[in-house]
Amino acid sequence: MQTSHVQYLILVITFFVLGLMMFACSKDDKSYPRPRGYFRIDFPLKTYQASSSILPFQFDHPTYSQLTQTKSDGQQWQTNLEFPRFNATLHCAYLNDSNLTEHIRFAKTMAYKHKSTAQSIDEIPFRNDSSNVFGLLYDIRGEKVASNYSFYIMDSSSRFFRGSFYFNQTPNSDSLKPVLAFLKKDLDRLIQSFSWSTD
């Protein structure tokens, strides 16, 4: 009789432990959103080099970028400044003609195409009289803006240069913000160092 009492007690304890385990496992099984995490980005050291002397303009660009797809018919040049490590490109176009007003209008139209997705578009003028360089920078801010940075540079008569910066992927301001801040310094350096080649 005592043996059956012990067996009964073991059975009760077993069911009690199983009940506790089931209760512990039956907690709220809903999934909750967690903040998105991003990989840490190790940025390279900023060192610069001059662009190719065959171009009708020169500027400093970082050693972790490269000029590609350069083509010309003499009066027009197209080239890309690629940032392979960051999957980004600065598309560049150079024109040498007397239609500066038309080129300025086109640059503004292209910048304001992002108005529907932009939170703000700041126009920042710049000039370097000693290099005969004048221009306007469009700093475009927004969550899903395709091009955050575009600008044009011109001289006082016929030369015009336009740059538009793009990431070669779907815009995501959270993950791209530190990269954009890093590369904007390089684009600012490009503009500050820009000069026309002597004829």
Protein backbone atom coordinates (compact mmCIF):
# COMPACT_ATOMS: atom_id res chain seq x y z
CA MET A 1 0.00 0.00 0.00
CA GLN A 2 2.85 2.34 0.78
CA THR A 3 4.39 1.55 -2.62
CA SER A 4 1.23 2.56 -4.48
CA HIS A 5 1.15 5.77 -2.42
CA VAL A 6 4.72 6.59 -3.52
CA GLN A 7 3.83 5.78 -7.14
CA TYR A 8 0.79 8.03 -6.89
CA LEU A 9 2.96 10.82 -5.48
CA ILE A 10 5.51 10.42 -8.29
CA LEU A 11 2.71 10.49 -10.85
CA VAL A 12 1.27 13.72 -9.35
CA ILE A 13 4.72 15.37 -9.33
CA THR A 14 5.33 14.25 -12.94
CA PHE A 15 2.04 15.74 -14.12
CA PHE A 16 2.74 18.90 -12.16
CA VAL A 17 6.20 19.32 -13.77
CA LEU A 18 4.76 18.56 -17.23
CA GLY A 19 2.03 21.15 -16.61
CA LEU A 20 4.62 23.75 -15.64
CA MET A 21 6.66 22.98 -18.76
CA MET A 22 3.61 23.26 -21.00
CA PHE A 23 2.64 26.53 -19.38
CA ALA A 24 6.15 27.91 -19.84
CA CYS A 25 6.16 26.91 -23.52
CA SER A 26 2.69 28.30 -24.18
CA LYS A 27 3.70 31.95 -23.67
CA ASP A 28 2.57 34.50 -26.21
CA ASP A 29 3.85 33.15 -29.53
CA LYS A 30 3.23 36.35 -31.43
CA SER A 31 6.23 37.82 -33.20
CA TYR A 32 7.05 41.45 -32.62
CA PRO A 33 8.96 43.72 -34.98
CA ARG A 34 12.50 44.46 -33.98
CA PRO A 35 14.58 47.42 -35.08
CA ARG A 36 16.36 46.66 -38.35
CA GLY A 37 20.09 46.14 -37.91
CA TYR A 38 22.76 47.05 -40.44
CA PHE A 39 26.29 45.83 -40.91
CA ARG A 40 29.01 48.04 -39.55
CA ILE A 41 30.79 49.89 -42.35
CA ASP A 42 34.55 50.33 -42.25
CA PHE A 43 35.36 53.45 -44.22
CA PRO A 44 38.68 53.78 -46.04
CA LEU A 45 41.22 56.50 -45.35
CA LYS A 46 40.54 59.62 -47.43
CA THR A 47 43.33 60.14 -49.93
CA TYR A 48 42.91 61.92 -53.27
CA GLN A 49 44.31 61.91 -56.77
CA ALA A 50 43.88 64.19 -59.78
CA SER A 51 41.62 63.13 -62.65
CA SER A 52 43.07 62.22 -66.04
CA SER A 53 44.82 65.00 -67.93
CA ILE A 54 43.08 63.97 -71.19
CA LEU A 55 39.80 65.42 -69.88
CA PRO A 56 38.84 69.06 -70.60
CA PHE A 57 38.51 69.56 -66.83
CA GLN A 58 40.32 68.37 -63.73
CA PHE A 59 39.26 67.59 -60.19
CA ASP A 60 40.43 65.63 -57.18
CA HIS A 61 38.73 62.32 -56.52
CA PRO A 62 39.37 59.68 -53.85
CA THR A 63 41.73 56.79 -54.52
CA TYR A 64 38.87 54.36 -53.80
CA SER A 65 36.99 55.71 -56.86
CA GLN A 66 37.72 55.40 -60.57
CA LEU A 67 36.68 57.14 -63.78
CA THR A 68 35.00 54.75 -66.24
CA GLN A 69 33.08 54.77 -69.52
CA THR A 70 34.67 57.99 -70.73
CA LYS A 71 33.54 58.95 -74.21
CA SER A 72 33.67 62.14 -76.25
CA ASP A 73 32.96 63.73 -79.60
CA GLY A 74 35.19 66.72 -78.85
CA GLN A 75 32.51 69.17 -77.65
CA GLN A 76 30.75 66.71 -75.33
CA TRP A 77 32.22 64.32 -72.79
CA GLN A 78 30.57 61.70 -70.64
CA THR A 79 32.26 59.81 -67.84
CA ASN A 80 31.33 58.05 -64.61
CA LEU A 81 33.10 58.33 -61.31
CA GLU A 82 32.52 54.91 -59.76
CA PHE A 83 32.71 54.08 -56.06
CA PRO A 84 32.73 50.25 -56.31
CA ARG A 85 33.11 49.68 -52.58
CA PHE A 86 29.86 51.59 -51.96
CA ASN A 87 27.97 50.60 -55.14
CA ALA A 88 27.61 54.26 -56.09
CA THR A 89 28.23 56.36 -59.21
CA LEU A 90 28.63 60.03 -60.03
CA HIS A 91 27.38 60.45 -63.61
CA CYS A 92 29.25 63.31 -65.25
CA ALA A 93 28.57 65.25 -68.47
CA TYR A 94 30.60 68.06 -70.01
CA LEU A 95 29.39 70.36 -72.81
CA ASN A 96 31.19 73.13 -74.62
CA ASP A 97 28.72 75.39 -76.40
CA SER A 98 26.90 78.67 -75.88
CA ASN A 99 23.63 77.21 -74.51
CA LEU A 100 24.46 77.73 -70.82
CA THR A 101 20.95 78.95 -69.96
CA GLU A 102 19.41 75.83 -71.49
CA HIS A 103 21.86 73.56 -69.66
CA ILE A 104 21.12 75.27 -66.34
CA ARG A 105 17.39 74.82 -66.91
CA PHE A 106 17.91 71.11 -67.69
CA ALA A 107 20.02 70.61 -64.53
CA LYS A 108 17.32 72.23 -62.40
CA THR A 109 14.57 70.15 -64.05
CA MET A 110 16.49 66.93 -63.34
CA ALA A 111 17.10 67.90 -59.69
CA TYR A 112 13.44 68.79 -59.10
CA LYS A 113 12.24 65.52 -60.62
CA HIS A 114 12.86 64.19 -57.10
CA LYS A 115 10.46 66.70 -55.55
CA SER A 116 7.69 64.12 -55.01
CA THR A 117 9.93 61.95 -52.80
CA ALA A 118 12.11 64.71 -51.31
CA GLN A 119 11.61 66.27 -47.89
CA SER A 120 13.69 69.25 -48.98
CA ILE A 121 15.86 70.46 -51.84
CA ASP A 122 18.52 72.98 -50.86
CA GLU A 123 20.20 75.05 -53.56
CA ILE A 124 23.75 75.95 -52.55
CA PRO A 125 25.65 78.33 -54.85
CA PHE A 126 29.43 78.24 -55.11
CA ARG A 127 32.08 80.14 -57.05
CA ASN A 128 35.81 80.19 -57.53
CA ASP A 129 36.73 83.33 -59.45
CA SER A 130 40.39 82.42 -59.77
CA SER A 131 39.46 79.21 -61.65
CA ASN A 132 36.52 80.77 -63.51
CA VAL A 133 34.22 78.21 -61.89
CA PHE A 134 30.62 79.01 -60.89
CA GLY A 135 27.81 76.67 -60.04
CA LEU A 136 24.96 75.41 -57.95
CA LEU A 137 24.66 72.33 -55.77
CA TYR A 138 21.32 70.60 -55.13
CA ASP A 139 21.30 68.85 -51.75
CA ILE A 140 18.21 66.63 -51.95
CA ARG A 141 16.96 65.02 -48.73
CA GLY A 142 14.34 62.31 -48.41
CA GLU A 143 13.75 58.67 -47.51
CA LYS A 144 13.37 57.37 -51.05
CA VAL A 145 15.23 59.93 -53.11
CA ALA A 146 17.16 58.29 -55.96
CA SER A 147 19.81 61.04 -56.26
CA ASN A 148 20.70 62.93 -53.07
CA TYR A 149 23.31 65.10 -54.67
CA SER A 150 23.54 66.83 -58.03
CA PHE A 151 25.28 69.96 -59.21
CA TYR A 152 26.41 71.94 -62.19
CA ILE A 153 29.57 73.90 -62.82
CA MET A 154 30.14 76.42 -65.61
CA ASP A 155 32.51 79.13 -66.72
CA SER A 156 31.52 82.59 -67.83
CA SER A 157 31.13 81.76 -71.53
CA SER A 158 30.62 78.23 -72.87
CA ARG A 159 31.82 75.38 -70.66
CA PHE A 160 29.32 73.43 -68.58
CA PHE A 161 29.76 70.38 -66.33
CA ARG A 162 26.97 68.47 -64.61
CA GLY A 163 27.20 65.71 -61.99
CA SER A 164 24.45 63.47 -60.55
CA PHE A 165 25.18 61.06 -57.74
CA TYR A 166 23.30 57.74 -57.43
CA PHE A 167 23.52 54.59 -55.36
CA ASN A 168 23.08 51.60 -57.66
CA GLN A 169 20.39 50.05 -55.46
CA THR A 170 16.96 50.77 -54.02
CA PRO A 171 17.15 53.89 -51.84
CA ASN A 172 17.11 53.22 -48.09
CA SER A 173 18.01 56.32 -46.13
CA ASP A 174 18.64 54.47 -42.84
CA SER A 175 21.33 52.18 -44.19
CA LEU A 176 22.76 54.66 -46.72
CA LYS A 177 22.91 57.73 -44.48
CA PRO A 178 26.44 57.11 -43.08
CA VAL A 179 27.76 56.21 -46.54
CA LEU A 180 26.20 59.31 -48.11
CA ALA A 181 27.67 61.53 -45.38
CA PHE A 182 31.09 59.97 -46.03
CA LEU A 183 30.92 60.35 -49.82
CA LYS A 184 29.48 63.89 -49.73
CA LYS A 185 32.85 65.06 -48.40
CA ASP A 186 34.47 63.58 -51.51
CA LEU A 187 31.95 65.29 -53.78
CA ASP A 188 32.56 68.59 -51.99
CA ARG A 189 36.29 68.11 -52.53
CA LEU A 190 35.64 67.42 -56.23
CA ILE A 191 33.74 70.72 -56.59
CA GLN A 192 36.28 72.74 -54.60
CA SER A 193 39.19 71.40 -56.67
CA PHE A 194 37.44 71.65 -60.04
CA SER A 195 39.21 73.54 -62.81
CA TRP A 196 39.05 73.79 -66.61
CA SER A 197 41.87 72.45 -68.74
CA THR A 198 43.77 75.13 -70.61
CA ASP A 199 43.23 75.06 -74.38
